[in-house]
C-alpha atoms as a PDB file:
ATOM      1  CA  MET A   1    -141.017 -36.882-135.422  1.00  0.00           C
ATOM      2  CA  PRO A   2    -137.254 -36.490-135.989  1.00  0.00           C
ATOM      3  CA  TYR A   3    -135.980 -35.423-139.367  1.00  0.00           C
ATOM      4  CA  THR A   4    -134.188 -38.134-141.330  1.00  0.00           C
ATOM      5  CA  ALA A   5    -132.192 -37.052-144.335  1.00  0.00           C
ATOM      6  CA  GLU A   6    -132.612 -39.062-147.483  1.00  0.00           C
ATOM      7  CA  PHE A   7    -129.843 -38.830-150.019  1.00  0.00           C
ATOM      8  CA  THR A   8    -129.683 -40.128-153.562  1.00  0.00           C
ATOM      9  CA  TYR A   9    -126.550 -41.847-154.816  1.00  0.00           C
ATOM     10  CA  HIS A  10    -125.435 -42.739-158.340  1.00  0.00           C
ATOM     11  CA  LYS A  11    -122.882 -45.331-159.427  1.00  0.00           C
ATOM     12  CA  VAL A  12    -120.725 -43.699-162.090  1.00  0.00           C
ATOM     13  CA  THR A  13    -120.764 -45.380-165.502  1.00  0.00           C
ATOM     14  CA  LYS A  14    -118.825 -44.700-168.697  1.00  0.00           C
ATOM     15  CA  GLY A  15    -119.779 -41.341-170.159  1.00  0.00           C
ATOM     16  CA  ASP A  16    -121.164 -39.825-166.932  1.00  0.00           C
ATOM     17  CA  THR A  17    -120.180 -36.260-166.161  1.00  0.00           C
ATOM     18  CA  VAL A  18    -120.866 -34.208-163.048  1.00  0.00           C
ATOM     19  CA  SER A  19    -122.722 -31.709-165.215  1.00  0.00           C
ATOM     20  CA  ASP A  20    -125.008 -34.369-166.703  1.00  0.00           C
ATOM     21  CA  LEU A  21    -125.684 -35.914-163.298  1.00  0.00           C
ATOM     22  CA  ALA A  22    -126.549 -32.515-161.804  1.00  0.00           C
ATOM     23  CA  LYS A  23    -129.108 -31.956-164.577  1.00  0.00           C
ATOM     24  CA  LYS A  24    -130.508 -35.487-164.281  1.00  0.00           C
ATOM     25  CA  TYR A  25    -131.039 -35.323-160.523  1.00  0.00           C
ATOM     26  CA  GLY A  26    -131.931 -31.620-160.179  1.00  0.00           C
ATOM     27  CA  SER A  27    -128.787 -30.714-158.255  1.00  0.00           C
ATOM     28  CA  THR A  28    -125.949 -28.340-159.062  1.00  0.00           C
ATOM     29  CA  ILE A  29    -122.375 -29.090-160.024  1.00  0.00           C
ATOM     30  CA  LYS A  30    -121.208 -27.219-156.916  1.00  0.00           C
ATOM     31  CA  GLN A  31    -123.452 -29.279-154.607  1.00  0.00           C
ATOM     32  CA  ILE A  32    -122.176 -32.554-156.053  1.00  0.00           C
ATOM     33  CA  LYS A  33    -118.575 -31.314-155.725  1.00  0.00           C
ATOM     34  CA  VAL A  34    -119.029 -30.440-152.042  1.00  0.00           C
ATOM     35  CA  TRP A  35    -121.022 -33.572-151.106  1.00  0.00           C
ATOM     36  CA  ASN A  36    -118.363 -35.819-152.637  1.00  0.00           C
ATOM     37  CA  ASP A  37    -115.216 -33.797-151.874  1.00  0.00           C
ATOM     38  CA  LEU A  38    -114.292 -33.715-155.569  1.00  0.00           C
ATOM     39  CA  ASP A  39    -111.161 -31.948-156.746  1.00  0.00           C
ATOM     40  CA  ARG A  40    -111.382 -28.749-158.760  1.00  0.00           C
ATOM     41  CA  LYS A  41    -111.470 -30.730-162.018  1.00  0.00           C
ATOM     42  CA  TYR A  42    -114.590 -32.591-160.820  1.00  0.00           C
ATOM     43  CA  ASN A  43    -112.959 -35.963-161.544  1.00  0.00           C
ATOM     44  CA  ILE A  44    -115.230 -38.967-161.103  1.00  0.00           C
ATOM     45  CA  ILE A  45    -114.295 -42.594-161.728  1.00  0.00           C
ATOM     46  CA  ILE A  46    -116.305 -45.426-163.278  1.00  0.00           C
ATOM     47  CA  GLY A  47    -117.731 -47.530-160.464  1.00  0.00           C
ATOM     48  CA  GLN A  48    -117.551 -44.685-157.939  1.00  0.00           C
ATOM     49  CA  LYS A  49    -120.701 -44.170-155.853  1.00  0.00           C
ATOM     50  CA  ILE A  50    -121.412 -40.470-155.483  1.00  0.00           C
ATOM     51  CA  ARG A  51    -124.132 -38.469-153.773  1.00  0.00           C
ATOM     52  CA  VAL A  52    -126.186 -36.599-156.358  1.00  0.00           C
ATOM     53  CA  LYS A  53    -129.141 -35.324-154.321  1.00  0.00           C
END
C-alpha cells in the first residue's frame, strides 16, 4: 500500500501566533516556518491557510 501524506491546515484568525499554533497542533515553530515559507519574523495574516502538522 503506498504511503499517502496527510497534512493538517489551519485558517489564521485574529490573535493566532505561530508559537500558539505549534503548541496546539504538536508541531514546532521551525516546522511551521519551513512548511509555509514564512519570513524570519514568522508573519502570518488573518485568513491565511497554513500547514500546521
